[in-house]
Amino acid sequence: MVNIKKGSPLIGVEGEMDCIYLQMHNVPAIRTGKFLSKEMIRIITGYTDNFVYSMDGDVPFVNSNPKKTKDSIKSQKKYLSKFMNVGLIELPGEKDPNDLSSKEVEKYYGKYINEKYFK
């Protein structure tokens, strides 16, 4: 794994392969799974002030079940925004980050691609 410098923005992705693939393209990605635990939020907020969700295309950004509104990325983004700057990258269709071509990685993650984020 690549060591990412403290203070760099972090891109939260669902799976290990997504994380490895994006790091191969110099994107400061970490694996978070679909939802962040309180412990992960504590660690992330102690590491950076900028976090960006980039989930697989099949992850619900808005939950259609009104009784489970917390079970969506947008609601997690709203909660996490209390502690830090939070962004959201929605990929097209049902694509995962590791399905993207190098050109698509640059399109969606271009402003985060930078070797200065790595030790």
N, C-alpha and C. Protein backbone atom coordinates (compact mmCIF):
# COMPACT_ATOMS: atom_id res chain seq x y z
N MET A 1 0.83 -1.19 0.00
CA MET A 1 0.00 0.00 0.00
C MET A 1 0.87 1.26 0.00
N VAL A 2 0.32 2.30 -0.53
CA VAL A 2 1.00 3.58 -0.59
C VAL A 2 0.70 4.35 0.69
N ASN A 3 1.72 5.00 1.25
CA ASN A 3 1.53 5.85 2.42
C ASN A 3 1.08 7.22 1.95
N ILE A 4 -0.04 7.68 2.48
CA ILE A 4 -0.59 8.98 2.12
C ILE A 4 -0.24 9.96 3.22
N LYS A 5 0.21 11.15 2.85
CA LYS A 5 0.63 12.15 3.83
C LYS A 5 -0.54 12.67 4.65
N LYS A 6 -0.27 12.87 5.93
CA LYS A 6 -1.27 13.47 6.81
C LYS A 6 -1.63 14.86 6.30
N GLY A 7 -2.92 15.17 6.30
CA GLY A 7 -3.39 16.46 5.83
C GLY A 7 -3.84 16.46 4.38
N SER A 8 -3.49 15.40 3.64
CA SER A 8 -3.93 15.34 2.24
C SER A 8 -5.43 15.05 2.21
N PRO A 9 -6.10 15.40 1.12
CA PRO A 9 -7.50 15.00 1.00
C PRO A 9 -7.54 13.48 0.89
N LEU A 10 -8.63 12.90 1.36
CA LEU A 10 -8.79 11.46 1.26
C LEU A 10 -10.03 11.14 0.44
N ILE A 11 -9.90 10.15 -0.44
CA ILE A 11 -11.02 9.68 -1.25
C ILE A 11 -11.45 8.35 -0.65
N GLY A 12 -12.66 8.28 -0.12
CA GLY A 12 -13.18 7.05 0.47
C GLY A 12 -13.86 6.19 -0.58
N VAL A 13 -13.34 4.97 -0.77
CA VAL A 13 -13.92 4.04 -1.74
C VAL A 13 -14.39 2.78 -1.02
N GLU A 14 -15.24 2.03 -1.70
CA GLU A 14 -15.87 0.87 -1.06
C GLU A 14 -14.93 -0.31 -0.84
N GLY A 15 -14.19 -0.71 -1.86
CA GLY A 15 -13.42 -1.94 -1.76
C GLY A 15 -11.92 -1.77 -1.86
N GLU A 16 -11.20 -2.84 -1.48
CA GLU A 16 -9.74 -2.83 -1.53
C GLU A 16 -9.23 -2.64 -2.95
N MET A 17 -9.84 -3.32 -3.93
CA MET A 17 -9.36 -3.21 -5.30
C MET A 17 -9.57 -1.80 -5.84
N ASP A 18 -10.67 -1.15 -5.46
CA ASP A 18 -10.89 0.25 -5.86
C ASP A 18 -9.77 1.12 -5.31
N CYS A 19 -9.43 0.90 -4.05
CA CYS A 19 -8.40 1.68 -3.38
C CYS A 19 -7.05 1.48 -4.06
N ILE A 20 -6.67 0.25 -4.28
CA ILE A 20 -5.38 -0.05 -4.91
C ILE A 20 -5.32 0.54 -6.31
N TYR A 21 -6.39 0.38 -7.08
CA TYR A 21 -6.41 0.88 -8.45
C TYR A 21 -6.25 2.40 -8.48
N LEU A 22 -6.97 3.11 -7.62
CA LEU A 22 -6.85 4.57 -7.60
C LEU A 22 -5.48 5.01 -7.11
N GLN A 23 -4.92 4.32 -6.10
CA GLN A 23 -3.58 4.66 -5.64
C GLN A 23 -2.55 4.45 -6.73
N MET A 24 -2.76 3.46 -7.60
CA MET A 24 -1.86 3.25 -8.74
C MET A 24 -1.88 4.45 -9.68
N HIS A 25 -2.98 5.22 -9.65
CA HIS A 25 -3.11 6.43 -10.46
C HIS A 25 -2.83 7.69 -9.63
N ASN A 26 -2.15 7.52 -8.50
CA ASN A 26 -1.79 8.63 -7.60
C ASN A 26 -2.98 9.41 -7.07
N VAL A 27 -4.05 8.70 -6.78
CA VAL A 27 -5.22 9.28 -6.12
C VAL A 27 -5.15 8.85 -4.65
N PRO A 28 -5.22 9.78 -3.69
CA PRO A 28 -5.10 9.43 -2.28
C PRO A 28 -6.37 8.75 -1.75
N ALA A 29 -6.51 7.48 -2.11
CA ALA A 29 -7.72 6.72 -1.78
C ALA A 29 -7.51 5.84 -0.55
N ILE A 30 -8.59 5.69 0.23
CA ILE A 30 -8.61 4.76 1.36
C ILE A 30 -9.88 3.93 1.25
N ARG A 31 -9.84 2.71 1.76
CA ARG A 31 -11.02 1.85 1.76
C ARG A 31 -11.85 2.15 2.99
N THR A 32 -13.11 2.50 2.78
CA THR A 32 -14.00 2.79 3.91
C THR A 32 -15.18 1.84 3.98
N GLY A 33 -15.41 1.05 2.92
CA GLY A 33 -16.65 0.30 2.86
C GLY A 33 -17.76 1.26 2.47
N LYS A 34 -19.00 0.80 2.56
CA LYS A 34 -20.12 1.66 2.15
C LYS A 34 -20.42 2.75 3.16
N PHE A 35 -20.25 2.45 4.44
CA PHE A 35 -20.61 3.41 5.47
C PHE A 35 -19.51 3.53 6.51
N LEU A 36 -19.32 4.73 6.99
CA LEU A 36 -18.26 5.00 7.97
C LEU A 36 -18.75 4.75 9.39
N SER A 37 -17.93 4.05 10.15
CA SER A 37 -18.23 3.87 11.57
C SER A 37 -17.77 5.12 12.32
N LYS A 38 -18.21 5.25 13.57
CA LYS A 38 -17.76 6.39 14.39
C LYS A 38 -16.25 6.37 14.57
N GLU A 39 -15.68 5.18 14.69
CA GLU A 39 -14.23 5.06 14.85
C GLU A 39 -13.51 5.52 13.58
N MET A 40 -14.02 5.15 12.41
CA MET A 40 -13.40 5.60 11.16
C MET A 40 -13.50 7.12 11.02
N ILE A 41 -14.64 7.68 11.39
CA ILE A 41 -14.81 9.14 11.34
C ILE A 41 -13.80 9.81 12.25
N ARG A 42 -13.59 9.27 13.45
CA ARG A 42 -12.61 9.82 14.39
C ARG A 42 -11.21 9.79 13.78
N ILE A 43 -10.85 8.68 13.16
CA ILE A 43 -9.52 8.55 12.55
C ILE A 43 -9.36 9.51 11.38
N ILE A 44 -10.37 9.56 10.50
CA ILE A 44 -10.29 10.42 9.32
C ILE A 44 -10.21 11.90 9.71
N THR A 45 -11.04 12.32 10.67
CA THR A 45 -11.02 13.74 11.07
C THR A 45 -9.71 14.10 11.77
N GLY A 46 -9.03 13.14 12.35
CA GLY A 46 -7.72 13.39 12.94
C GLY A 46 -6.61 13.41 11.90
N TYR A 47 -6.93 13.02 10.70
CA TYR A 47 -5.93 12.90 9.63
C TYR A 47 -6.02 14.01 8.60
N THR A 48 -7.25 14.46 8.29
CA THR A 48 -7.44 15.45 7.23
C THR A 48 -8.70 16.27 7.49
N ASP A 49 -8.80 17.39 6.79
CA ASP A 49 -10.01 18.22 6.85
C ASP A 49 -10.85 18.07 5.59
N ASN A 50 -10.38 17.25 4.63
CA ASN A 50 -11.07 17.10 3.35
C ASN A 50 -11.26 15.63 3.00
N PHE A 51 -12.52 15.23 2.90
CA PHE A 51 -12.86 13.84 2.60
C PHE A 51 -13.84 13.84 1.44
N VAL A 52 -13.66 12.89 0.53
CA VAL A 52 -14.54 12.78 -0.63
C VAL A 52 -15.03 11.34 -0.74
N TYR A 53 -16.36 11.18 -0.75
CA TYR A 53 -16.95 9.86 -0.99
C TYR A 53 -16.88 9.57 -2.48
N SER A 54 -16.47 8.36 -2.82
CA SER A 54 -16.51 7.90 -4.20
C SER A 54 -16.89 6.43 -4.18
N MET A 55 -18.16 6.18 -4.10
CA MET A 55 -18.64 4.81 -3.98
C MET A 55 -18.91 4.18 -5.34
N ASP A 56 -19.06 2.87 -5.32
CA ASP A 56 -19.41 2.15 -6.54
C ASP A 56 -20.75 2.64 -7.06
N GLY A 57 -20.98 2.47 -8.35
CA GLY A 57 -22.21 2.94 -8.97
C GLY A 57 -23.48 2.31 -8.43
N ASP A 58 -23.36 1.15 -7.76
CA ASP A 58 -24.56 0.48 -7.24
C ASP A 58 -24.87 0.85 -5.79
N VAL A 59 -24.08 1.73 -5.18
CA VAL A 59 -24.32 2.15 -3.79
C VAL A 59 -25.39 3.24 -3.79
N PRO A 60 -26.38 3.13 -2.89
CA PRO A 60 -27.45 4.14 -2.86
C PRO A 60 -26.96 5.49 -2.35
N PHE A 61 -27.06 6.50 -3.20
CA PHE A 61 -26.73 7.85 -2.75
C PHE A 61 -27.92 8.46 -2.04
N VAL A 62 -29.11 8.05 -2.43
CA VAL A 62 -30.33 8.47 -1.76
C VAL A 62 -31.15 7.22 -1.52
N ASN A 63 -31.52 6.98 -0.27
CA ASN A 63 -32.28 5.79 0.06
C ASN A 63 -33.76 6.05 -0.19
N SER A 64 -34.41 5.14 -0.87
CA SER A 64 -35.83 5.31 -1.18
C SER A 64 -36.73 4.95 -0.01
N ASN A 65 -36.16 4.38 1.05
CA ASN A 65 -36.94 4.01 2.21
C ASN A 65 -36.90 5.15 3.24
N PRO A 66 -38.02 5.90 3.41
CA PRO A 66 -38.01 7.05 4.32
C PRO A 66 -37.73 6.69 5.77
N LYS A 67 -37.92 5.41 6.15
CA LYS A 67 -37.64 5.00 7.52
C LYS A 67 -36.15 4.77 7.76
N LYS A 68 -35.37 4.69 6.68
CA LYS A 68 -33.94 4.45 6.80
C LYS A 68 -33.14 5.53 6.09
N THR A 69 -33.48 6.78 6.33
CA THR A 69 -32.82 7.87 5.63
C THR A 69 -31.34 7.95 5.94
N LYS A 70 -30.90 7.44 7.09
CA LYS A 70 -29.47 7.48 7.41
C LYS A 70 -28.67 6.49 6.58
N ASP A 71 -29.34 5.55 5.94
CA ASP A 71 -28.65 4.54 5.14
C ASP A 71 -28.43 5.00 3.71
N SER A 72 -27.87 6.17 3.53
CA SER A 72 -27.51 6.64 2.21
C SER A 72 -26.23 7.46 2.32
N ILE A 73 -25.52 7.55 1.22
CA ILE A 73 -24.27 8.30 1.22
C ILE A 73 -24.53 9.78 1.47
N LYS A 74 -25.59 10.33 0.90
CA LYS A 74 -25.86 11.76 1.09
C LYS A 74 -26.13 12.08 2.56
N SER A 75 -26.81 11.19 3.27
CA SER A 75 -27.05 11.47 4.69
C SER A 75 -25.76 11.34 5.48
N GLN A 76 -24.90 10.39 5.11
CA GLN A 76 -23.60 10.29 5.78
C GLN A 76 -22.75 11.52 5.49
N LYS A 77 -22.82 12.01 4.25
CA LYS A 77 -22.08 13.21 3.88
C LYS A 77 -22.53 14.38 4.75
N LYS A 78 -23.84 14.51 4.93
CA LYS A 78 -24.38 15.60 5.75
C LYS A 78 -23.88 15.49 7.19
N TYR A 79 -23.86 14.29 7.74
CA TYR A 79 -23.38 14.08 9.10
C TYR A 79 -21.89 14.41 9.20
N LEU A 80 -21.09 13.89 8.27
CA LEU A 80 -19.65 14.08 8.30
C LEU A 80 -19.28 15.56 8.09
N SER A 81 -20.14 16.29 7.39
CA SER A 81 -19.89 17.71 7.12
C SER A 81 -19.85 18.55 8.40
N LYS A 82 -20.35 18.00 9.50
CA LYS A 82 -20.26 18.69 10.79
C LYS A 82 -18.81 18.79 11.26
N PHE A 83 -17.97 17.86 10.77
CA PHE A 83 -16.60 17.76 11.25
C PHE A 83 -15.54 18.21 10.24
N MET A 84 -15.88 18.21 8.94
CA MET A 84 -14.89 18.50 7.91
C MET A 84 -15.55 18.83 6.58
N ASN A 85 -14.75 19.22 5.60
CA ASN A 85 -15.25 19.43 4.24
C ASN A 85 -15.45 18.07 3.59
N VAL A 86 -16.62 17.87 3.00
CA VAL A 86 -16.93 16.57 2.42
C VAL A 86 -17.43 16.76 0.99
N GLY A 87 -16.85 16.00 0.08
CA GLY A 87 -17.28 16.02 -1.31
C GLY A 87 -17.90 14.69 -1.69
N LEU A 88 -18.40 14.63 -2.91
CA LEU A 88 -19.06 13.43 -3.39
C LEU A 88 -18.79 13.28 -4.88
N ILE A 89 -18.27 12.13 -5.26
CA ILE A 89 -18.06 11.81 -6.66
C ILE A 89 -19.00 10.68 -7.02
N GLU A 90 -19.94 10.95 -7.91
CA GLU A 90 -20.88 9.93 -8.36
C GLU A 90 -20.40 9.42 -9.72
N LEU A 91 -20.09 8.15 -9.78
CA LEU A 91 -19.62 7.54 -11.01
C LEU A 91 -20.80 7.17 -11.91
N PRO A 92 -20.56 7.10 -13.22
CA PRO A 92 -21.66 6.81 -14.15
C PRO A 92 -22.14 5.35 -14.06
N GLY A 93 -23.43 5.18 -14.24
CA GLY A 93 -24.00 3.82 -14.30
C GLY A 93 -23.67 3.00 -13.09
N GLU A 94 -23.25 1.78 -13.33
CA GLU A 94 -22.92 0.87 -12.24
C GLU A 94 -21.42 0.64 -12.16
N LYS A 95 -20.64 1.62 -12.57
CA LYS A 95 -19.18 1.48 -12.58
C LYS A 95 -18.61 1.58 -11.18
N ASP A 96 -17.56 0.79 -10.96
CA ASP A 96 -16.74 0.89 -9.76
C ASP A 96 -15.52 1.72 -10.12
N PRO A 97 -14.83 2.32 -9.14
CA PRO A 97 -13.62 3.07 -9.48
C PRO A 97 -12.61 2.23 -10.28
N ASN A 98 -12.49 0.93 -9.93
CA ASN A 98 -11.50 0.12 -10.64
C ASN A 98 -11.98 -0.33 -12.03
N ASP A 99 -13.17 0.07 -12.46
CA ASP A 99 -13.65 -0.19 -13.82
C ASP A 99 -13.27 0.95 -14.77
N LEU A 100 -12.80 2.05 -14.22
CA LEU A 100 -12.54 3.25 -15.02
C LEU A 100 -11.23 3.13 -15.80
N SER A 101 -11.23 3.70 -16.99
CA SER A 101 -9.99 3.80 -17.76
C SER A 101 -9.13 4.90 -17.13
N SER A 102 -7.88 4.96 -17.53
CA SER A 102 -6.99 6.02 -17.01
C SER A 102 -7.54 7.40 -17.31
N LYS A 103 -8.13 7.55 -18.48
CA LYS A 103 -8.72 8.84 -18.87
C LYS A 103 -9.91 9.18 -17.97
N GLU A 104 -10.74 8.16 -17.66
CA GLU A 104 -11.89 8.39 -16.77
C GLU A 104 -11.44 8.70 -15.35
N VAL A 105 -10.37 8.04 -14.88
CA VAL A 105 -9.83 8.34 -13.55
C VAL A 105 -9.44 9.81 -13.50
N GLU A 106 -8.77 10.27 -14.55
CA GLU A 106 -8.38 11.68 -14.59
C GLU A 106 -9.59 12.60 -14.62
N LYS A 107 -10.64 12.20 -15.34
CA LYS A 107 -11.85 13.02 -15.43
C LYS A 107 -12.53 13.17 -14.06
N TYR A 108 -12.70 12.06 -13.35
CA TYR A 108 -13.44 12.08 -12.09
C TYR A 108 -12.59 12.48 -10.88
N TYR A 109 -11.29 12.15 -10.92
CA TYR A 109 -10.43 12.38 -9.76
C TYR A 109 -9.30 13.36 -10.04
N GLY A 110 -9.33 14.01 -11.19
CA GLY A 110 -8.22 14.85 -11.64
C GLY A 110 -7.70 15.83 -10.63
N LYS A 111 -8.57 16.49 -9.91
CA LYS A 111 -8.08 17.50 -8.97
C LYS A 111 -7.43 16.89 -7.73
N TYR A 112 -7.56 15.57 -7.56
CA TYR A 112 -6.93 14.89 -6.43
C TYR A 112 -5.69 14.10 -6.84
N ILE A 113 -5.41 14.01 -8.13
CA ILE A 113 -4.25 13.26 -8.61
C ILE A 113 -3.02 14.14 -8.45
N ASN A 114 -2.13 13.70 -7.55
CA ASN A 114 -0.94 14.49 -7.33
C ASN A 114 0.01 13.68 -6.45
N GLU A 115 1.22 13.50 -6.90
CA GLU A 115 2.17 12.71 -6.13
C GLU A 115 2.57 13.38 -4.82
N LYS A 116 2.30 14.67 -4.65
CA LYS A 116 2.66 15.35 -3.41
C LYS A 116 1.89 14.79 -2.21
N TYR A 117 0.79 14.08 -2.47
CA TYR A 117 0.01 13.51 -1.37
C TYR A 117 0.63 12.23 -0.81
N PHE A 118 1.63 11.71 -1.49
CA PHE A 118 2.23 10.45 -1.07
C PHE A 118 3.60 10.67 -0.47
N LYS A 119 3.94 9.88 0.53
CA LYS A 119 5.27 9.97 1.19
C LYS A 119 6.32 9.36 0.29
